[in-house]
Amino acid sequence: MSGKISPSMMCVDFRKLEESVRALERAGTDYLHFDVMDGHFVPNFTLGPDFIRCVREMTSIPFDFHLMVERPESLLSVFDIREGDIVSVHQEASVHLQRTLQHIRDKGARPSVALNPATPLYAVDEVLDDLELVLVMTVNPGFAGQKLVPSTLRKIAGLKERLTASGRPDIEIEVDGNVSWDNALKMRQAGADIFVAGTSSIFTPGTDIEEATKRFKTSIL
């Protein structure tokens, strides 16, 4: 399947929010990625429901929610989750993971489990029937601008093999963390399908967002 791009909205210059959204639309962006952090599951706070609602009023691009929060099931009703959106929750954060994934599907969204660099691949074995994606964190979650954890490239390849062997090659692999121009190519070769682009690629200071997004999409086809 063709590679897709999901620009990280926490990396946008908030002073130019609507201008940036329009540029991403013109570039043919597949998703807009929203990192939601609660200060407990990860040591940072980002992107609450009011901000996300504001962006929703600007565009029809599907949203890609990454809930880095404890008990994500308790927040599903807080956000304006719509049909076709992606919602990723962490395996460690939800006691009843299968039930949480089912709630996401009931909203018409695409259920996904996020795996931290140290979270083993077998953590998703028992919920493959409930998944449309797996989000592989290629840095430890919480902050933009981190360096790639090298072992995660092997993890992407191992996940691709595991999904194929389990009869679920249709499950897409999303990657998030230091998705630079060079790393994106390595991730694509390893089997990644959806790329969360941030400060190391399309949101590098001084970069034309529209042109960079178009070039990024071409590079991962």
N, C-alpha and C. Protein backbone atom coordinates (compact mmCIF):
# COMPACT_ATOMS: atom_id res chain seq x y z
N MET A 1 0.84 -1.19 0.00
CA MET A 1 0.00 0.00 0.00
C MET A 1 0.87 1.24 0.00
N SER A 2 0.33 2.33 -0.52
CA SER A 2 1.08 3.58 -0.62
C SER A 2 1.31 4.18 0.76
N GLY A 3 2.45 4.86 0.92
CA GLY A 3 2.73 5.53 2.17
C GLY A 3 1.84 6.74 2.38
N LYS A 4 1.53 7.03 3.62
CA LYS A 4 0.67 8.16 3.97
C LYS A 4 1.38 9.05 4.98
N ILE A 5 1.00 10.32 5.00
CA ILE A 5 1.62 11.26 5.92
C ILE A 5 0.60 11.81 6.90
N SER A 6 1.03 11.94 8.16
CA SER A 6 0.17 12.45 9.23
C SER A 6 0.97 13.50 10.01
N PRO A 7 0.97 14.76 9.54
CA PRO A 7 1.77 15.80 10.18
C PRO A 7 1.39 16.01 11.65
N SER A 8 2.41 16.20 12.48
CA SER A 8 2.21 16.37 13.91
C SER A 8 1.81 17.80 14.22
N MET A 9 0.59 17.99 14.70
CA MET A 9 0.08 19.33 14.94
C MET A 9 0.70 20.00 16.15
N MET A 10 1.38 19.25 17.02
CA MET A 10 2.07 19.89 18.13
C MET A 10 3.32 20.64 17.65
N CYS A 11 3.71 20.39 16.39
CA CYS A 11 4.90 21.04 15.83
C CYS A 11 4.56 22.26 14.98
N VAL A 12 3.28 22.53 14.81
CA VAL A 12 2.85 23.69 14.03
C VAL A 12 3.14 24.97 14.80
N ASP A 13 3.47 26.03 14.07
CA ASP A 13 3.55 27.37 14.66
C ASP A 13 2.13 27.82 14.93
N PHE A 14 1.71 27.83 16.20
CA PHE A 14 0.32 28.14 16.54
C PHE A 14 -0.09 29.54 16.09
N ARG A 15 0.87 30.43 15.88
CA ARG A 15 0.55 31.77 15.39
C ARG A 15 0.10 31.75 13.94
N LYS A 16 0.42 30.64 13.25
CA LYS A 16 0.06 30.51 11.83
C LYS A 16 -0.77 29.23 11.62
N LEU A 17 -1.63 28.93 12.58
CA LEU A 17 -2.34 27.65 12.57
C LEU A 17 -3.17 27.46 11.31
N GLU A 18 -4.08 28.38 11.03
CA GLU A 18 -4.96 28.19 9.87
C GLU A 18 -4.16 28.21 8.57
N GLU A 19 -3.18 29.07 8.49
CA GLU A 19 -2.33 29.11 7.30
C GLU A 19 -1.65 27.76 7.08
N SER A 20 -1.19 27.16 8.15
CA SER A 20 -0.52 25.86 8.06
C SER A 20 -1.48 24.76 7.65
N VAL A 21 -2.69 24.78 8.21
CA VAL A 21 -3.69 23.78 7.86
C VAL A 21 -4.03 23.87 6.37
N ARG A 22 -4.17 25.08 5.85
CA ARG A 22 -4.47 25.25 4.44
C ARG A 22 -3.33 24.71 3.57
N ALA A 23 -2.09 24.94 3.99
CA ALA A 23 -0.94 24.43 3.25
C ALA A 23 -0.94 22.90 3.23
N LEU A 24 -1.28 22.30 4.36
CA LEU A 24 -1.33 20.84 4.45
C LEU A 24 -2.44 20.27 3.60
N GLU A 25 -3.56 20.98 3.52
CA GLU A 25 -4.64 20.56 2.63
C GLU A 25 -4.17 20.57 1.18
N ARG A 26 -3.55 21.65 0.76
CA ARG A 26 -3.10 21.76 -0.64
C ARG A 26 -2.08 20.69 -0.98
N ALA A 27 -1.32 20.26 0.03
CA ALA A 27 -0.28 19.25 -0.20
C ALA A 27 -0.83 17.83 -0.24
N GLY A 28 -2.13 17.67 0.03
CA GLY A 28 -2.73 16.34 -0.02
C GLY A 28 -2.45 15.50 1.21
N THR A 29 -2.41 16.14 2.37
CA THR A 29 -2.16 15.44 3.63
C THR A 29 -3.24 14.38 3.90
N ASP A 30 -2.83 13.22 4.37
CA ASP A 30 -3.76 12.11 4.61
C ASP A 30 -4.47 12.22 5.95
N TYR A 31 -3.72 12.60 6.99
CA TYR A 31 -4.27 12.76 8.35
C TYR A 31 -3.60 13.96 9.00
N LEU A 32 -4.21 14.45 10.07
CA LEU A 32 -3.56 15.40 10.97
C LEU A 32 -3.39 14.69 12.31
N HIS A 33 -2.17 14.68 12.81
CA HIS A 33 -1.83 13.92 14.01
C HIS A 33 -1.89 14.81 15.24
N PHE A 34 -2.66 14.38 16.25
CA PHE A 34 -2.82 15.15 17.48
C PHE A 34 -2.30 14.33 18.66
N ASP A 35 -1.24 14.83 19.29
CA ASP A 35 -0.70 14.21 20.48
C ASP A 35 -1.42 14.75 21.70
N VAL A 36 -2.09 13.87 22.43
CA VAL A 36 -2.81 14.24 23.64
C VAL A 36 -2.06 13.65 24.83
N MET A 37 -1.52 14.52 25.69
CA MET A 37 -0.70 14.08 26.83
C MET A 37 -1.28 14.62 28.13
N ASP A 38 -1.27 13.79 29.16
CA ASP A 38 -1.95 14.14 30.41
C ASP A 38 -1.02 14.49 31.55
N GLY A 39 0.31 14.47 31.31
CA GLY A 39 1.24 14.78 32.39
C GLY A 39 1.46 13.63 33.37
N HIS A 40 0.80 12.50 33.14
CA HIS A 40 0.94 11.32 34.01
C HIS A 40 1.55 10.15 33.23
N PHE A 41 0.89 9.77 32.15
CA PHE A 41 1.44 8.68 31.35
C PHE A 41 2.75 9.10 30.69
N VAL A 42 2.83 10.37 30.30
CA VAL A 42 4.08 10.96 29.82
C VAL A 42 4.27 12.30 30.53
N PRO A 43 5.51 12.75 30.69
CA PRO A 43 5.77 13.98 31.47
C PRO A 43 5.60 15.25 30.65
N ASN A 44 4.44 15.43 30.07
CA ASN A 44 4.19 16.64 29.28
C ASN A 44 2.68 16.80 29.16
N PHE A 45 2.24 17.99 28.79
CA PHE A 45 0.83 18.27 28.53
C PHE A 45 0.72 18.84 27.11
N THR A 46 -0.21 18.33 26.31
CA THR A 46 -0.42 18.92 24.98
C THR A 46 -1.86 18.74 24.52
N LEU A 47 -2.26 19.58 23.62
CA LEU A 47 -3.40 19.51 22.70
C LEU A 47 -4.68 18.96 23.32
N GLY A 48 -5.41 19.86 23.95
CA GLY A 48 -6.68 19.51 24.54
C GLY A 48 -7.83 19.58 23.56
N PRO A 49 -9.04 19.27 24.01
CA PRO A 49 -10.21 19.18 23.13
C PRO A 49 -10.58 20.51 22.48
N ASP A 50 -10.36 21.63 23.15
CA ASP A 50 -10.73 22.92 22.54
C ASP A 50 -9.86 23.23 21.33
N PHE A 51 -8.57 22.98 21.46
CA PHE A 51 -7.67 23.19 20.32
C PHE A 51 -8.06 22.28 19.16
N ILE A 52 -8.31 21.02 19.46
CA ILE A 52 -8.65 20.06 18.41
C ILE A 52 -9.98 20.43 17.75
N ARG A 53 -10.92 20.87 18.55
CA ARG A 53 -12.22 21.31 18.00
C ARG A 53 -12.04 22.50 17.07
N CYS A 54 -11.14 23.39 17.41
CA CYS A 54 -10.85 24.55 16.58
C CYS A 54 -10.31 24.13 15.21
N VAL A 55 -9.39 23.17 15.21
CA VAL A 55 -8.83 22.70 13.95
C VAL A 55 -9.89 21.95 13.15
N ARG A 56 -10.76 21.24 13.83
CA ARG A 56 -11.82 20.48 13.15
C ARG A 56 -12.71 21.42 12.33
N GLU A 57 -12.91 22.63 12.83
CA GLU A 57 -13.74 23.61 12.13
C GLU A 57 -13.06 24.15 10.87
N MET A 58 -11.76 23.92 10.75
CA MET A 58 -11.00 24.47 9.63
C MET A 58 -10.89 23.52 8.45
N THR A 59 -11.05 22.21 8.68
CA THR A 59 -10.66 21.24 7.66
C THR A 59 -11.49 19.97 7.72
N SER A 60 -11.50 19.25 6.62
CA SER A 60 -12.16 17.94 6.56
C SER A 60 -11.14 16.80 6.53
N ILE A 61 -9.85 17.11 6.69
CA ILE A 61 -8.83 16.06 6.75
C ILE A 61 -9.11 15.18 7.97
N PRO A 62 -9.08 13.87 7.84
CA PRO A 62 -9.29 12.99 9.00
C PRO A 62 -8.23 13.23 10.07
N PHE A 63 -8.63 13.03 11.33
CA PHE A 63 -7.73 13.25 12.45
C PHE A 63 -7.12 11.93 12.91
N ASP A 64 -5.92 12.05 13.46
CA ASP A 64 -5.14 10.91 13.95
C ASP A 64 -4.81 11.21 15.41
N PHE A 65 -5.62 10.67 16.32
CA PHE A 65 -5.47 10.93 17.75
C PHE A 65 -4.47 9.94 18.37
N HIS A 66 -3.47 10.47 19.05
CA HIS A 66 -2.54 9.62 19.80
C HIS A 66 -2.73 9.96 21.27
N LEU A 67 -3.43 9.11 21.99
CA LEU A 67 -3.79 9.37 23.38
C LEU A 67 -2.70 8.82 24.31
N MET A 68 -1.78 9.68 24.69
CA MET A 68 -0.73 9.31 25.64
C MET A 68 -1.22 9.67 27.03
N VAL A 69 -2.22 8.94 27.48
CA VAL A 69 -2.93 9.26 28.72
C VAL A 69 -3.24 7.97 29.47
N GLU A 70 -3.39 8.10 30.78
CA GLU A 70 -3.87 6.98 31.58
C GLU A 70 -5.38 6.84 31.41
N ARG A 71 -5.86 5.63 31.36
CA ARG A 71 -7.28 5.33 31.19
C ARG A 71 -7.88 6.08 30.00
N PRO A 72 -7.38 5.83 28.80
CA PRO A 72 -7.87 6.55 27.63
C PRO A 72 -9.36 6.35 27.37
N GLU A 73 -9.90 5.22 27.83
CA GLU A 73 -11.32 4.96 27.62
C GLU A 73 -12.20 6.04 28.25
N SER A 74 -11.69 6.68 29.30
CA SER A 74 -12.48 7.72 29.99
C SER A 74 -12.50 9.04 29.22
N LEU A 75 -11.64 9.17 28.20
CA LEU A 75 -11.55 10.42 27.45
C LEU A 75 -12.13 10.33 26.04
N LEU A 76 -12.58 9.16 25.64
CA LEU A 76 -13.07 9.01 24.26
C LEU A 76 -14.27 9.90 23.99
N SER A 77 -15.07 10.18 25.00
CA SER A 77 -16.25 11.04 24.80
C SER A 77 -15.90 12.52 24.85
N VAL A 78 -14.69 12.85 25.30
CA VAL A 78 -14.27 14.25 25.42
C VAL A 78 -13.89 14.84 24.07
N PHE A 79 -13.33 14.01 23.22
CA PHE A 79 -12.84 14.48 21.93
C PHE A 79 -13.86 14.19 20.82
N ASP A 80 -13.84 15.05 19.83
CA ASP A 80 -14.77 14.94 18.70
C ASP A 80 -14.24 13.91 17.71
N ILE A 81 -14.36 12.64 18.08
CA ILE A 81 -13.87 11.55 17.25
C ILE A 81 -14.93 11.22 16.20
N ARG A 82 -14.49 11.16 14.94
CA ARG A 82 -15.44 10.96 13.84
C ARG A 82 -15.05 9.75 12.99
N GLU A 83 -15.98 9.37 12.15
CA GLU A 83 -15.76 8.23 11.26
C GLU A 83 -14.54 8.48 10.38
N GLY A 84 -13.67 7.49 10.31
CA GLY A 84 -12.47 7.60 9.49
C GLY A 84 -11.25 8.11 10.21
N ASP A 85 -11.43 8.65 11.43
CA ASP A 85 -10.29 9.06 12.24
C ASP A 85 -9.52 7.84 12.72
N ILE A 86 -8.27 8.06 13.11
CA ILE A 86 -7.46 7.05 13.79
C ILE A 86 -7.41 7.41 15.27
N VAL A 87 -7.53 6.41 16.14
CA VAL A 87 -7.36 6.64 17.57
C VAL A 87 -6.41 5.57 18.11
N SER A 88 -5.24 6.02 18.58
CA SER A 88 -4.24 5.12 19.13
C SER A 88 -4.19 5.24 20.65
N VAL A 89 -4.22 4.10 21.32
CA VAL A 89 -4.08 4.07 22.78
C VAL A 89 -2.91 3.15 23.11
N HIS A 90 -2.28 3.39 24.26
CA HIS A 90 -1.13 2.59 24.65
C HIS A 90 -1.57 1.33 25.37
N GLN A 91 -0.87 0.25 25.06
CA GLN A 91 -1.20 -1.04 25.65
C GLN A 91 -1.12 -0.97 27.17
N GLU A 92 -0.15 -0.22 27.70
CA GLU A 92 0.05 -0.15 29.14
C GLU A 92 -0.98 0.72 29.85
N ALA A 93 -1.71 1.55 29.10
CA ALA A 93 -2.55 2.58 29.71
C ALA A 93 -3.99 2.15 29.95
N SER A 94 -4.42 1.08 29.31
CA SER A 94 -5.81 0.65 29.41
C SER A 94 -5.88 -0.77 29.97
N VAL A 95 -6.56 -0.91 31.10
CA VAL A 95 -6.66 -2.23 31.74
C VAL A 95 -7.43 -3.19 30.85
N HIS A 96 -8.53 -2.71 30.27
CA HIS A 96 -9.37 -3.54 29.41
C HIS A 96 -9.18 -3.08 27.96
N LEU A 97 -8.05 -3.44 27.39
CA LEU A 97 -7.65 -2.92 26.09
C LEU A 97 -8.64 -3.27 24.99
N GLN A 98 -9.08 -4.52 24.96
CA GLN A 98 -10.01 -4.94 23.90
C GLN A 98 -11.30 -4.13 23.94
N ARG A 99 -11.80 -3.87 25.14
CA ARG A 99 -13.03 -3.10 25.29
C ARG A 99 -12.83 -1.66 24.80
N THR A 100 -11.67 -1.09 25.11
CA THR A 100 -11.37 0.27 24.66
C THR A 100 -11.32 0.34 23.14
N LEU A 101 -10.68 -0.64 22.52
CA LEU A 101 -10.61 -0.68 21.06
C LEU A 101 -11.99 -0.82 20.44
N GLN A 102 -12.85 -1.60 21.07
CA GLN A 102 -14.21 -1.76 20.58
C GLN A 102 -14.97 -0.44 20.67
N HIS A 103 -14.77 0.32 21.75
CA HIS A 103 -15.42 1.63 21.87
C HIS A 103 -14.98 2.56 20.76
N ILE A 104 -13.70 2.49 20.41
CA ILE A 104 -13.19 3.32 19.31
C ILE A 104 -13.87 2.94 18.01
N ARG A 105 -13.98 1.63 17.75
CA ARG A 105 -14.63 1.17 16.53
C ARG A 105 -16.11 1.56 16.51
N ASP A 106 -16.75 1.52 17.66
CA ASP A 106 -18.16 1.90 17.74
C ASP A 106 -18.39 3.35 17.33
N LYS A 107 -17.35 4.18 17.47
CA LYS A 107 -17.45 5.58 17.06
C LYS A 107 -17.18 5.76 15.57
N GLY A 108 -16.88 4.67 14.89
CA GLY A 108 -16.59 4.74 13.46
C GLY A 108 -15.15 5.02 13.14
N ALA A 109 -14.31 5.10 14.19
CA ALA A 109 -12.89 5.39 13.99
C ALA A 109 -12.08 4.11 13.81
N ARG A 110 -10.82 4.27 13.47
CA ARG A 110 -9.92 3.15 13.21
C ARG A 110 -9.11 2.87 14.48
N PRO A 111 -9.32 1.72 15.13
CA PRO A 111 -8.63 1.42 16.39
C PRO A 111 -7.15 1.09 16.15
N SER A 112 -6.31 1.60 17.06
CA SER A 112 -4.87 1.39 16.95
C SER A 112 -4.28 1.24 18.34
N VAL A 113 -3.25 0.42 18.46
CA VAL A 113 -2.48 0.30 19.70
C VAL A 113 -1.09 0.87 19.46
N ALA A 114 -0.64 1.72 20.39
CA ALA A 114 0.70 2.30 20.32
C ALA A 114 1.66 1.48 21.17
N LEU A 115 2.85 1.23 20.60
CA LEU A 115 3.88 0.46 21.29
C LEU A 115 5.09 1.35 21.53
N ASN A 116 5.45 1.54 22.80
CA ASN A 116 6.66 2.26 23.15
C ASN A 116 7.89 1.46 22.73
N PRO A 117 9.07 2.08 22.66
CA PRO A 117 10.26 1.33 22.24
C PRO A 117 10.52 0.05 23.03
N ALA A 118 10.19 0.05 24.32
CA ALA A 118 10.45 -1.14 25.14
C ALA A 118 9.25 -2.08 25.25
N THR A 119 8.14 -1.74 24.63
CA THR A 119 6.95 -2.60 24.68
C THR A 119 7.09 -3.71 23.64
N PRO A 120 6.98 -4.98 24.03
CA PRO A 120 7.19 -6.07 23.08
C PRO A 120 6.06 -6.19 22.06
N LEU A 121 6.39 -6.73 20.92
CA LEU A 121 5.41 -6.88 19.85
C LEU A 121 4.27 -7.80 20.24
N TYR A 122 4.55 -8.79 21.09
CA TYR A 122 3.49 -9.74 21.44
C TYR A 122 2.37 -9.08 22.24
N ALA A 123 2.56 -7.84 22.66
CA ALA A 123 1.53 -7.13 23.43
C ALA A 123 0.24 -6.94 22.63
N VAL A 124 0.32 -7.04 21.31
CA VAL A 124 -0.89 -6.86 20.49
C VAL A 124 -1.45 -8.17 19.97
N ASP A 125 -0.81 -9.29 20.30
CA ASP A 125 -1.23 -10.57 19.73
C ASP A 125 -2.70 -10.89 19.99
N GLU A 126 -3.19 -10.59 21.19
CA GLU A 126 -4.55 -10.98 21.56
C GLU A 126 -5.61 -9.98 21.11
N VAL A 127 -5.21 -8.88 20.46
CA VAL A 127 -6.21 -7.90 20.01
C VAL A 127 -6.10 -7.62 18.51
N LEU A 128 -5.44 -8.49 17.78
CA LEU A 128 -5.28 -8.27 16.34
C LEU A 128 -6.63 -8.17 15.63
N ASP A 129 -7.61 -8.93 16.09
CA ASP A 129 -8.92 -8.87 15.45
C ASP A 129 -9.62 -7.53 15.66
N ASP A 130 -9.13 -6.75 16.62
CA ASP A 130 -9.76 -5.47 16.95
C ASP A 130 -9.00 -4.29 16.38
N LEU A 131 -7.93 -4.53 15.63
CA LEU A 131 -7.06 -3.46 15.18
C LEU A 131 -7.16 -3.18 13.69
N GLU A 132 -6.92 -1.91 13.35
CA GLU A 132 -6.69 -1.53 11.95
C GLU A 132 -5.28 -1.01 11.76
N LEU A 133 -4.65 -0.58 12.87
CA LEU A 133 -3.29 -0.07 12.82
C LEU A 133 -2.54 -0.46 14.08
N VAL A 134 -1.21 -0.39 13.97
CA VAL A 134 -0.33 -0.41 15.14
C VAL A 134 0.62 0.78 14.98
N LEU A 135 0.71 1.58 16.05
CA LEU A 135 1.61 2.74 16.05
C LEU A 135 2.90 2.36 16.77
N VAL A 136 3.99 2.35 16.03
CA VAL A 136 5.30 2.04 16.61
C VAL A 136 5.99 3.35 16.98
N MET A 137 6.20 3.56 18.27
CA MET A 137 6.94 4.73 18.72
C MET A 137 8.42 4.49 18.50
N THR A 138 9.05 5.36 17.72
CA THR A 138 10.47 5.20 17.43
C THR A 138 11.33 6.12 18.30
N VAL A 139 10.67 6.83 19.23
CA VAL A 139 11.31 7.52 20.35
C VAL A 139 10.45 7.24 21.57
N ASN A 140 10.94 7.56 22.74
CA ASN A 140 10.10 7.47 23.93
C ASN A 140 9.14 8.65 23.93
N PRO A 141 7.85 8.40 24.13
CA PRO A 141 6.86 9.45 23.93
C PRO A 141 6.93 10.57 24.97
N GLY A 142 6.49 11.75 24.55
CA GLY A 142 6.40 12.86 25.48
C GLY A 142 6.89 14.18 24.93
N PHE A 143 7.92 14.15 24.07
CA PHE A 143 8.51 15.40 23.60
C PHE A 143 8.94 15.27 22.14
N ALA A 144 8.79 16.36 21.39
CA ALA A 144 9.28 16.42 20.01
C ALA A 144 10.79 16.64 20.02
N GLY A 145 11.42 16.35 18.88
CA GLY A 145 12.83 16.65 18.72
C GLY A 145 13.80 15.62 19.26
N GLN A 146 13.32 14.43 19.61
CA GLN A 146 14.21 13.40 20.14
C GLN A 146 14.89 12.63 19.01
N LYS A 147 15.96 11.90 19.38
CA LYS A 147 16.68 11.08 18.42
C LYS A 147 16.04 9.69 18.32
N LEU A 148 16.14 9.12 17.15
CA LEU A 148 15.61 7.78 16.89
C LEU A 148 16.25 6.75 17.82
N VAL A 149 15.41 5.85 18.36
CA VAL A 149 15.91 4.67 19.07
C VAL A 149 16.22 3.63 17.99
N PRO A 150 17.49 3.32 17.72
CA PRO A 150 17.86 2.50 16.56
C PRO A 150 17.15 1.15 16.47
N SER A 151 16.91 0.52 17.61
CA SER A 151 16.31 -0.82 17.60
C SER A 151 14.89 -0.81 17.06
N THR A 152 14.26 0.36 17.00
CA THR A 152 12.88 0.40 16.54
C THR A 152 12.75 0.12 15.04
N LEU A 153 13.82 0.30 14.29
CA LEU A 153 13.78 -0.06 12.87
C LEU A 153 13.60 -1.57 12.74
N ARG A 154 14.31 -2.34 13.56
CA ARG A 154 14.11 -3.80 13.57
C ARG A 154 12.72 -4.15 14.06
N LYS A 155 12.21 -3.34 14.96
CA LYS A 155 10.89 -3.60 15.52
C LYS A 155 9.82 -3.45 14.44
N ILE A 156 9.95 -2.43 13.59
CA ILE A 156 9.00 -2.24 12.48
C ILE A 156 9.01 -3.46 11.57
N ALA A 157 10.21 -3.90 11.21
CA ALA A 157 10.33 -5.07 10.33
C ALA A 157 9.77 -6.32 10.99
N GLY A 158 10.05 -6.49 12.29
CA GLY A 158 9.53 -7.64 13.01
C GLY A 158 8.01 -7.62 13.10
N LEU A 159 7.44 -6.43 13.28
CA LEU A 159 5.98 -6.32 13.33
C LEU A 159 5.37 -6.67 11.98
N LYS A 160 6.00 -6.21 10.91
CA LYS A 160 5.49 -6.52 9.57
C LYS A 160 5.46 -8.02 9.36
N GLU A 161 6.52 -8.69 9.73
CA GLU A 161 6.58 -10.15 9.59
C GLU A 161 5.52 -10.81 10.47
N ARG A 162 5.34 -10.32 11.67
CA ARG A 162 4.40 -10.91 12.62
C ARG A 162 2.96 -10.77 12.12
N LEU A 163 2.64 -9.59 11.57
CA LEU A 163 1.29 -9.38 11.06
C LEU A 163 1.00 -10.28 9.85
N THR A 164 1.98 -10.41 8.98
CA THR A 164 1.81 -11.27 7.81
C THR A 164 1.63 -12.73 8.23
N ALA A 165 2.45 -13.17 9.17
CA ALA A 165 2.37 -14.56 9.65
C ALA A 165 1.06 -14.83 10.36
N SER A 166 0.45 -13.79 10.95
CA SER A 166 -0.82 -13.94 11.68
C SER A 166 -2.03 -13.80 10.76
N GLY A 167 -1.79 -13.62 9.47
CA GLY A 167 -2.89 -13.46 8.53
C GLY A 167 -3.52 -12.09 8.55
N ARG A 168 -2.79 -11.08 9.06
CA ARG A 168 -3.32 -9.71 9.12
C ARG A 168 -2.37 -8.72 8.45
N PRO A 169 -1.97 -8.97 7.21
CA PRO A 169 -1.10 -8.01 6.53
C PRO A 169 -1.82 -6.70 6.21
N ASP A 170 -3.14 -6.68 6.37
CA ASP A 170 -3.93 -5.47 6.12
C ASP A 170 -3.77 -4.43 7.22
N ILE A 171 -3.31 -4.83 8.40
CA ILE A 171 -3.11 -3.87 9.49
C ILE A 171 -1.95 -2.94 9.13
N GLU A 172 -2.21 -1.65 9.14
CA GLU A 172 -1.19 -0.68 8.77
C GLU A 172 -0.25 -0.40 9.95
N ILE A 173 0.98 -0.07 9.63
CA ILE A 173 1.98 0.28 10.63
C ILE A 173 2.25 1.78 10.53
N GLU A 174 2.01 2.47 11.63
CA GLU A 174 2.30 3.89 11.71
C GLU A 174 3.57 4.07 12.54
N VAL A 175 4.37 5.08 12.19
CA VAL A 175 5.61 5.35 12.93
C VAL A 175 5.62 6.80 13.39
N ASP A 176 6.17 7.01 14.59
CA ASP A 176 6.17 8.34 15.19
C ASP A 176 7.43 8.53 16.02
N GLY A 177 8.24 9.54 15.64
CA GLY A 177 9.44 9.85 16.40
C GLY A 177 10.66 9.97 15.52
N ASN A 178 11.18 11.19 15.37
CA ASN A 178 12.36 11.46 14.54
C ASN A 178 12.18 10.87 13.13
N VAL A 179 11.01 11.14 12.55
CA VAL A 179 10.73 10.69 11.18
C VAL A 179 11.35 11.72 10.23
N SER A 180 12.67 11.69 10.16
CA SER A 180 13.40 12.60 9.28
C SER A 180 13.34 12.08 7.85
N TRP A 181 13.90 12.85 6.92
CA TRP A 181 13.91 12.40 5.52
C TRP A 181 14.62 11.06 5.40
N ASP A 182 15.79 10.94 6.01
CA ASP A 182 16.55 9.69 5.90
C ASP A 182 15.88 8.55 6.66
N ASN A 183 15.43 8.85 7.88
CA ASN A 183 14.81 7.79 8.68
C ASN A 183 13.51 7.30 8.07
N ALA A 184 12.76 8.20 7.43
CA ALA A 184 11.50 7.79 6.80
C ALA A 184 11.73 6.74 5.73
N LEU A 185 12.80 6.88 4.97
CA LEU A 185 13.10 5.89 3.94
C LEU A 185 13.43 4.54 4.56
N LYS A 186 14.20 4.55 5.66
CA LYS A 186 14.52 3.31 6.36
C LYS A 186 13.27 2.67 6.95
N MET A 187 12.40 3.50 7.50
CA MET A 187 11.15 3.00 8.08
C MET A 187 10.25 2.41 7.00
N ARG A 188 10.21 3.07 5.86
CA ARG A 188 9.41 2.56 4.74
C ARG A 188 9.92 1.20 4.28
N GLN A 189 11.23 1.08 4.17
CA GLN A 189 11.83 -0.18 3.76
C GLN A 189 11.54 -1.29 4.77
N ALA A 190 11.43 -0.91 6.05
CA ALA A 190 11.16 -1.88 7.11
C ALA A 190 9.70 -2.31 7.13
N GLY A 191 8.82 -1.52 6.49
CA GLY A 191 7.41 -1.92 6.42
C GLY A 191 6.41 -0.90 6.90
N ALA A 192 6.84 0.33 7.23
CA ALA A 192 5.92 1.35 7.72
C ALA A 192 5.01 1.87 6.61
N ASP A 193 3.79 2.24 6.99
CA ASP A 193 2.79 2.72 6.04
C ASP A 193 2.39 4.18 6.26
N ILE A 194 2.33 4.61 7.51
CA ILE A 194 1.88 5.96 7.85
C ILE A 194 2.98 6.63 8.67
N PHE A 195 3.30 7.89 8.32
CA PHE A 195 4.45 8.56 8.89
C PHE A 195 4.02 9.85 9.58
N VAL A 196 4.32 9.95 10.87
CA VAL A 196 4.04 11.17 11.63
C VAL A 196 5.22 12.11 11.42
N ALA A 197 5.01 13.14 10.63
CA ALA A 197 6.09 14.06 10.27
C ALA A 197 6.07 15.27 11.19
N GLY A 198 7.25 15.63 11.70
CA GLY A 198 7.32 16.74 12.65
C GLY A 198 8.51 17.64 12.41
N THR A 199 9.21 17.98 13.50
CA THR A 199 10.28 18.98 13.42
C THR A 199 11.50 18.50 12.65
N SER A 200 11.66 17.21 12.45
CA SER A 200 12.83 16.71 11.73
C SER A 200 12.59 16.60 10.23
N SER A 201 11.40 17.03 9.78
CA SER A 201 11.14 16.98 8.33
C SER A 201 10.32 18.20 7.89
N ILE A 202 9.00 18.09 7.86
CA ILE A 202 8.21 19.15 7.23
C ILE A 202 8.05 20.40 8.09
N PHE A 203 8.31 20.31 9.39
CA PHE A 203 8.18 21.47 10.27
C PHE A 203 9.53 22.01 10.73
N THR A 204 10.59 21.70 10.01
CA THR A 204 11.88 22.31 10.30
C THR A 204 11.77 23.81 10.10
N PRO A 205 12.27 24.62 11.03
CA PRO A 205 12.17 26.08 10.89
C PRO A 205 12.66 26.58 9.54
N GLY A 206 11.87 27.47 8.94
CA GLY A 206 12.21 28.03 7.65
C GLY A 206 11.75 27.22 6.45
N THR A 207 11.13 26.06 6.71
CA THR A 207 10.68 25.18 5.64
C THR A 207 9.31 25.60 5.13
N ASP A 208 9.11 25.52 3.81
CA ASP A 208 7.79 25.72 3.21
C ASP A 208 6.99 24.45 3.45
N ILE A 209 5.98 24.53 4.30
CA ILE A 209 5.24 23.34 4.73
C ILE A 209 4.60 22.61 3.55
N GLU A 210 3.99 23.35 2.66
CA GLU A 210 3.30 22.72 1.53
C GLU A 210 4.28 21.97 0.64
N GLU A 211 5.37 22.61 0.27
CA GLU A 211 6.34 21.96 -0.61
C GLU A 211 7.02 20.79 0.08
N ALA A 212 7.33 20.96 1.36
CA ALA A 212 7.99 19.87 2.09
C ALA A 212 7.06 18.67 2.21
N THR A 213 5.78 18.90 2.45
CA THR A 213 4.82 17.79 2.58
C THR A 213 4.68 17.05 1.26
N LYS A 214 4.60 17.79 0.17
CA LYS A 214 4.50 17.15 -1.14
C LYS A 214 5.74 16.29 -1.41
N ARG A 215 6.90 16.85 -1.09
CA ARG A 215 8.15 16.11 -1.32
C ARG A 215 8.24 14.88 -0.43
N PHE A 216 7.78 15.02 0.82
CA PHE A 216 7.80 13.89 1.74
C PHE A 216 6.89 12.77 1.21
N LYS A 217 5.67 13.13 0.79
CA LYS A 217 4.74 12.12 0.27
C LYS A 217 5.34 11.38 -0.92
N THR A 218 6.00 12.12 -1.80
CA THR A 218 6.62 11.50 -2.98
C THR A 218 7.72 10.52 -2.57
N SER A 219 8.45 10.87 -1.52
CA SER A 219 9.59 10.06 -1.11
C SER A 219 9.18 8.73 -0.48
N ILE A 220 7.93 8.65 0.03
CA ILE A 220 7.51 7.42 0.72
C ILE A 220 6.49 6.62 -0.08
N LEU A 221 6.28 6.96 -1.33
CA LEU A 221 5.33 6.20 -2.15
C LEU A 221 5.78 4.76 -2.32
